C-alpha atoms as a PDB file:
ATOM      1  CA  UNK A   1      51.291  67.427 -28.464  1.00  0.00           C
ATOM      2  CA  UNK A   2      49.068  64.872 -26.744  1.00  0.00           C
ATOM      3  CA  UNK A   3      45.334  65.374 -26.933  1.00  0.00           C
ATOM      4  CA  UNK A   4      43.205  65.888 -23.859  1.00  0.00           C
ATOM      5  CA  UNK A   5      41.818  62.353 -24.231  1.00  0.00           C
ATOM      6  CA  UNK A   6      45.338  60.911 -24.360  1.00  0.00           C
ATOM      7  CA  UNK A   7      46.331  62.982 -21.302  1.00  0.00           C
ATOM      8  CA  UNK A   8      43.304  61.688 -19.310  1.00  0.00           C
ATOM      9  CA  UNK A   9      44.035  58.094 -20.330  1.00  0.00           C
ATOM     10  CA  UNK A  10      47.656  58.425 -19.240  1.00  0.00           C
ATOM     11  CA  UNK A  11      46.516  59.950 -15.936  1.00  0.00           C
ATOM     12  CA  UNK A  12      44.027  57.117 -15.303  1.00  0.00           C
ATOM     13  CA  UNK A  13      46.668  54.488 -16.116  1.00  0.00           C
ATOM     14  CA  UNK A  14      49.195  56.220 -13.889  1.00  0.00           C
ATOM     15  CA  UNK A  15      46.677  56.369 -11.034  1.00  0.00           C
ATOM     16  CA  UNK A  16      45.889  52.683 -11.431  1.00  0.00           C
ATOM     17  CA  UNK A  17      49.605  51.869 -11.423  1.00  0.00           C
ATOM     18  CA  UNK A  18      50.062  53.867  -8.222  1.00  0.00           C
ATOM     19  CA  UNK A  19      47.149  52.043  -6.570  1.00  0.00           C
ATOM     20  CA  UNK A  20      48.633  48.671  -7.505  1.00  0.00           C
ATOM     21  CA  UNK A  21      52.071  49.709  -6.262  1.00  0.00           C
ATOM     22  CA  UNK A  22      50.553  50.946  -2.993  1.00  0.00           C
ATOM     23  CA  UNK A  23      48.682  47.682  -2.549  1.00  0.00           C
ATOM     24  CA  UNK A  24      51.857  45.669  -3.144  1.00  0.00           C
ATOM     25  CA  UNK A  25      53.881  47.845  -0.752  1.00  0.00           C
ATOM     26  CA  UNK A  26      51.583  47.366   2.259  1.00  0.00           C
ATOM     27  CA  UNK A  27      53.498  45.364   4.848  1.00  0.00           C
ATOM     28  CA  UNK A  28      51.925  42.270   6.350  1.00  0.00           C
ATOM     29  CA  UNK A  29      49.699  42.918   9.325  1.00  0.00           C
ATOM     30  CA  UNK A  30      51.026  41.760  12.645  1.00  0.00           C
ATOM     31  CA  UNK A  31      49.180  38.780  14.095  1.00  0.00           C
ATOM     32  CA  UNK A  32      47.455  39.346  17.402  1.00  0.00           C
ATOM     33  CA  UNK A  33      50.028  39.034  20.155  1.00  0.00           C
ATOM     34  CA  UNK A  34      49.759  36.384  22.821  1.00  0.00           C
ATOM     35  CA  UNK A  35      48.449  37.710  26.079  1.00  0.00           C
ATOM     36  CA  UNK A  36      50.863  37.986  28.958  1.00  0.00           C
ATOM     37  CA  UNK A  37      50.866  39.906  32.191  1.00  0.00           C
ATOM     38  CA  UNK A  38      53.960  41.982  32.722  1.00  0.00           C
ATOM     39  CA  UNK A  39      54.720  45.143  34.634  1.00  0.00           C
ATOM     40  CA  UNK A  40      55.714  47.306  31.756  1.00  0.00           C
ATOM     41  CA  UNK A  41      56.081  45.424  28.469  1.00  0.00           C
ATOM     42  CA  UNK A  42      52.987  45.059  26.370  1.00  0.00           C
ATOM     43  CA  UNK A  43      52.397  41.802  24.472  1.00  0.00           C
ATOM     44  CA  UNK A  44      53.553  43.365  21.199  1.00  0.00           C
ATOM     45  CA  UNK A  45      56.768  44.565  22.900  1.00  0.00           C
ATOM     46  CA  UNK A  46      57.356  41.046  24.202  1.00  0.00           C
ATOM     47  CA  UNK A  47      57.104  39.728  20.638  1.00  0.00           C
ATOM     48  CA  UNK A  48      59.732  42.202  19.492  1.00  0.00           C
ATOM     49  CA  UNK A  49      62.070  41.161  22.310  1.00  0.00           C
ATOM     50  CA  UNK A  50      61.388  37.477  21.601  1.00  0.00           C
ATOM     51  CA  UNK A  51      62.235  37.988  17.941  1.00  0.00           C
ATOM     52  CA  UNK A  52      65.387  40.035  18.499  1.00  0.00           C
ATOM     53  CA  UNK A  53      66.940  38.330  21.531  1.00  0.00           C
ATOM     54  CA  UNK A  54      68.125  35.082  19.838  1.00  0.00           C
ATOM     55  CA  UNK A  55      69.696  37.045  16.989  1.00  0.00           C
ATOM     56  CA  UNK A  56      71.201  39.688  19.237  1.00  0.00           C
ATOM     57  CA  UNK A  57      72.652  37.179  21.687  1.00  0.00           C
ATOM     58  CA  UNK A  58      73.567  34.603  19.026  1.00  0.00           C
ATOM     59  CA  UNK A  59      71.722  31.790  20.790  1.00  0.00           C
ATOM     60  CA  UNK A  60      68.712  29.959  19.419  1.00  0.00           C
ATOM     61  CA  UNK A  61      68.096  28.063  22.659  1.00  0.00           C
ATOM     62  CA  UNK A  62      67.290  31.036  24.882  1.00  0.00           C
ATOM     63  CA  UNK A  63      64.546  30.730  27.473  1.00  0.00           C
ATOM     64  CA  UNK A  64      62.642  33.581  25.836  1.00  0.00           C
ATOM     65  CA  UNK A  65      60.081  33.991  28.610  1.00  0.00           C
ATOM     66  CA  UNK A  66      62.893  34.630  31.090  1.00  0.00           C
ATOM     67  CA  UNK A  67      64.580  37.122  28.773  1.00  0.00           C
ATOM     68  CA  UNK A  68      61.289  38.946  28.221  1.00  0.00           C
ATOM     69  CA  UNK A  69      60.636  39.027  31.960  1.00  0.00           C
ATOM     70  CA  UNK A  70      64.175  40.345  32.484  1.00  0.00           C
ATOM     71  CA  UNK A  71      63.646  43.143  29.960  1.00  0.00           C
ATOM     72  CA  UNK A  72      60.349  43.944  31.643  1.00  0.00           C
ATOM     73  CA  UNK A  73      62.066  44.126  35.017  1.00  0.00           C
ATOM     74  CA  UNK A  74      64.923  46.226  33.646  1.00  0.00           C
ATOM     75  CA  UNK A  75      62.621  48.745  31.978  1.00  0.00           C
ATOM     76  CA  UNK A  76      60.365  48.956  35.019  1.00  0.00           C
ATOM     77  CA  UNK A  77      63.392  50.028  37.077  1.00  0.00           C
ATOM     78  CA  UNK A  78      64.365  52.870  34.734  1.00  0.00           C
ATOM     79  CA  UNK A  79      63.546  56.530  35.470  1.00  0.00           C
ATOM     80  CA  UNK A  80      60.179  57.659  34.054  1.00  0.00           C
ATOM     81  CA  UNK A  81      61.720  59.798  31.289  1.00  0.00           C
ATOM     82  CA  UNK A  82      63.833  56.883  30.088  1.00  0.00           C
ATOM     83  CA  UNK A  83      60.856  54.516  30.261  1.00  0.00           C
ATOM     84  CA  UNK A  84      58.958  56.948  28.064  1.00  0.00           C
ATOM     85  CA  UNK A  85      61.746  56.885  25.481  1.00  0.00           C
ATOM     86  CA  UNK A  86      61.802  53.087  25.551  1.00  0.00           C
ATOM     87  CA  UNK A  87      58.011  53.134  25.114  1.00  0.00           C
ATOM     88  CA  UNK A  88      58.432  55.315  22.027  1.00  0.00           C
ATOM     89  CA  UNK A  89      61.000  52.865  20.664  1.00  0.00           C
ATOM     90  CA  UNK A  90      58.740  49.848  21.162  1.00  0.00           C
ATOM     91  CA  UNK A  91      55.749  51.755  19.762  1.00  0.00           C
ATOM     92  CA  UNK A  92      57.808  52.640  16.707  1.00  0.00           C
ATOM     93  CA  UNK A  93      58.998  49.071  16.193  1.00  0.00           C
ATOM     94  CA  UNK A  94      55.493  47.763  16.815  1.00  0.00           C
ATOM     95  CA  UNK A  95      54.096  49.862  13.995  1.00  0.00           C
ATOM     96  CA  UNK A  96      54.046  47.714  10.877  1.00  0.00           C
ATOM     97  CA  UNK A  97      54.869  50.635   8.571  1.00  0.00           C
ATOM     98  CA  UNK A  98      57.895  51.604  10.641  1.00  0.00           C
ATOM     99  CA  UNK A  99      58.912  47.946  10.899  1.00  0.00           C
ATOM    100  CA  UNK A 100      58.832  47.648   7.124  1.00  0.00           C
ATOM    101  CA  UNK A 101      60.224  50.975   6.000  1.00  0.00           C
ATOM    102  CA  UNK A 102      62.367  52.132   8.913  1.00  0.00           C
ATOM    103  CA  UNK A 103      63.643  48.820  10.250  1.00  0.00           C
ATOM    104  CA  UNK A 104      63.592  47.056   6.876  1.00  0.00           C
ATOM    105  CA  UNK A 105      61.850  43.981   8.288  1.00  0.00           C
ATOM    106  CA  UNK A 106      59.166  42.821   5.849  1.00  0.00           C
ATOM    107  CA  UNK A 107      57.550  40.083   7.922  1.00  0.00           C
ATOM    108  CA  UNK A 108      55.863  40.501  11.277  1.00  0.00           C
ATOM    109  CA  UNK A 109      58.380  40.205  14.112  1.00  0.00           C
ATOM    110  CA  UNK A 110      57.263  36.708  15.049  1.00  0.00           C
ATOM    111  CA  UNK A 111      57.725  35.450  11.482  1.00  0.00           C
ATOM    112  CA  UNK A 112      60.897  37.335  10.567  1.00  0.00           C
ATOM    113  CA  UNK A 113      63.927  35.247   9.663  1.00  0.00           C
ATOM    114  CA  UNK A 114      67.243  35.373  11.492  1.00  0.00           C
ATOM    115  CA  UNK A 115      69.054  36.865   8.483  1.00  0.00           C
ATOM    116  CA  UNK A 116      66.471  39.630   8.137  1.00  0.00           C
ATOM    117  CA  UNK A 117      66.702  40.451  11.844  1.00  0.00           C
ATOM    118  CA  UNK A 118      70.501  40.343  11.783  1.00  0.00           C
ATOM    119  CA  UNK A 119      70.507  42.769   8.841  1.00  0.00           C
ATOM    120  CA  UNK A 120      68.174  45.092  10.717  1.00  0.00           C
ATOM    121  CA  UNK A 121      70.317  45.043  13.844  1.00  0.00           C
ATOM    122  CA  UNK A 122      73.514  45.600  11.886  1.00  0.00           C
ATOM    123  CA  UNK A 123      71.992  48.488   9.919  1.00  0.00           C
ATOM    124  CA  UNK A 124      70.898  50.227  13.101  1.00  0.00           C
ATOM    125  CA  UNK A 125      74.155  49.471  14.916  1.00  0.00           C
ATOM    126  CA  UNK A 126      76.262  50.939  12.081  1.00  0.00           C
ATOM    127  CA  UNK A 127      73.793  53.649  11.034  1.00  0.00           C
ATOM    128  CA  UNK A 128      74.918  57.170  10.199  1.00  0.00           C
ATOM    129  CA  UNK A 129      71.947  58.414  12.241  1.00  0.00           C
ATOM    130  CA  UNK A 130      72.599  58.827  15.938  1.00  0.00           C
ATOM    131  CA  UNK A 131      68.957  58.038  16.744  1.00  0.00           C
ATOM    132  CA  UNK A 132      69.141  54.590  15.137  1.00  0.00           C
ATOM    133  CA  UNK A 133      72.455  53.816  16.825  1.00  0.00           C
ATOM    134  CA  UNK A 134      70.963  54.918  20.157  1.00  0.00           C
ATOM    135  CA  UNK A 135      67.896  52.744  19.598  1.00  0.00           C
ATOM    136  CA  UNK A 136      70.137  49.775  18.812  1.00  0.00           C
ATOM    137  CA  UNK A 137      72.177  50.406  21.956  1.00  0.00           C
ATOM    138  CA  UNK A 138      69.008  50.595  24.049  1.00  0.00           C
ATOM    139  CA  UNK A 139      67.767  47.267  22.693  1.00  0.00           C
ATOM    140  CA  UNK A 140      71.218  45.713  23.058  1.00  0.00           C
ATOM    141  CA  UNK A 141      71.635  46.836  26.656  1.00  0.00           C
ATOM    142  CA  UNK A 142      68.117  45.821  27.693  1.00  0.00           C
ATOM    143  CA  UNK A 143      68.330  42.364  26.142  1.00  0.00           C
ATOM    144  CA  UNK A 144      71.911  41.845  27.316  1.00  0.00           C
ATOM    145  CA  UNK A 145      71.071  42.894  30.868  1.00  0.00           C
ATOM    146  CA  UNK A 146      68.006  40.662  30.857  1.00  0.00           C
ATOM    147  CA  UNK A 147      69.982  37.624  29.739  1.00  0.00           C
ATOM    148  CA  UNK A 148      73.289  38.050  31.552  1.00  0.00           C
ATOM    149  CA  UNK A 149      71.549  39.138  34.753  1.00  0.00           C
ATOM    150  CA  UNK A 150      69.682  35.852  34.728  1.00  0.00           C
ATOM    151  CA  UNK A 151      71.397  33.090  36.751  1.00  0.00           C
ATOM    152  CA  UNK A 152      70.315  30.619  34.031  1.00  0.00           C
ATOM    153  CA  UNK A 153      72.870  32.207  31.683  1.00  0.00           C
ATOM    154  CA  UNK A 154      75.808  32.048  34.050  1.00  0.00           C
ATOM    155  CA  UNK A 155      76.699  28.404  33.456  1.00  0.00           C
ATOM    156  CA  UNK A 156      76.771  28.965  29.685  1.00  0.00           C
ATOM    157  CA  UNK A 157      79.298  31.782  30.047  1.00  0.00           C
ATOM    158  CA  UNK A 158      81.314  30.036  32.750  1.00  0.00           C
ATOM    159  CA  UNK A 159      80.449  32.496  35.506  1.00  0.00           C
ATOM    160  CA  UNK A 160      80.054  31.542  39.146  1.00  0.00           C
ATOM    161  CA  UNK A 161      79.216  33.861  41.959  1.00  0.00           C
ATOM    162  CA  UNK A 162      82.162  34.415  44.287  1.00  0.00           C
ATOM    163  CA  UNK A 163      82.009  32.343  47.451  1.00  0.00           C
ATOM    164  CA  UNK A 164      81.681  35.484  49.591  1.00  0.00           C
ATOM    165  CA  UNK A 165      78.587  36.544  47.682  1.00  0.00           C
ATOM    166  CA  UNK A 166      77.135  33.031  47.845  1.00  0.00           C
ATOM    167  CA  UNK A 167      77.443  33.134  51.637  1.00  0.00           C
ATOM    168  CA  UNK A 168      75.474  36.384  51.808  1.00  0.00           C
ATOM    169  CA  UNK A 169      72.570  35.035  49.763  1.00  0.00           C
ATOM    170  CA  UNK A 170      69.646  33.534  51.653  1.00  0.00           C
END
């Protein structure tokens, strides 16, 4: 039977171990986002899109500012209830604790590696939880629409507007 002194020592050591483990488990703080004026996306949201778009689209040479502007335009055109859900998604991903423990991304979005981001996207795409699969689909559709709706992407995918459409454009 341990003595009271031994019990208090074990409790103090256990508390110290928990404090050290908590200190080691704190994810890195996100650096201050660059300022940008957009209709709907906040600077932190733009960083998330900038980090995920090259991995999601499989292209390292994306014009990220155009993709971010496209996502901003796409979200701004959504119904208010859907915009609110997208806001919740970006707020969740922008939270460093959720980024670390829910998304599994240790580094801030701007500093995360391609492999880490690819793992995150694959986990959410193939998740057993409908909410994570839905969040992945939302990100996938927004980033895909932003990129493939941009005329700058059409040459890379071999798309040309039909001649009839070209004649209608100013």
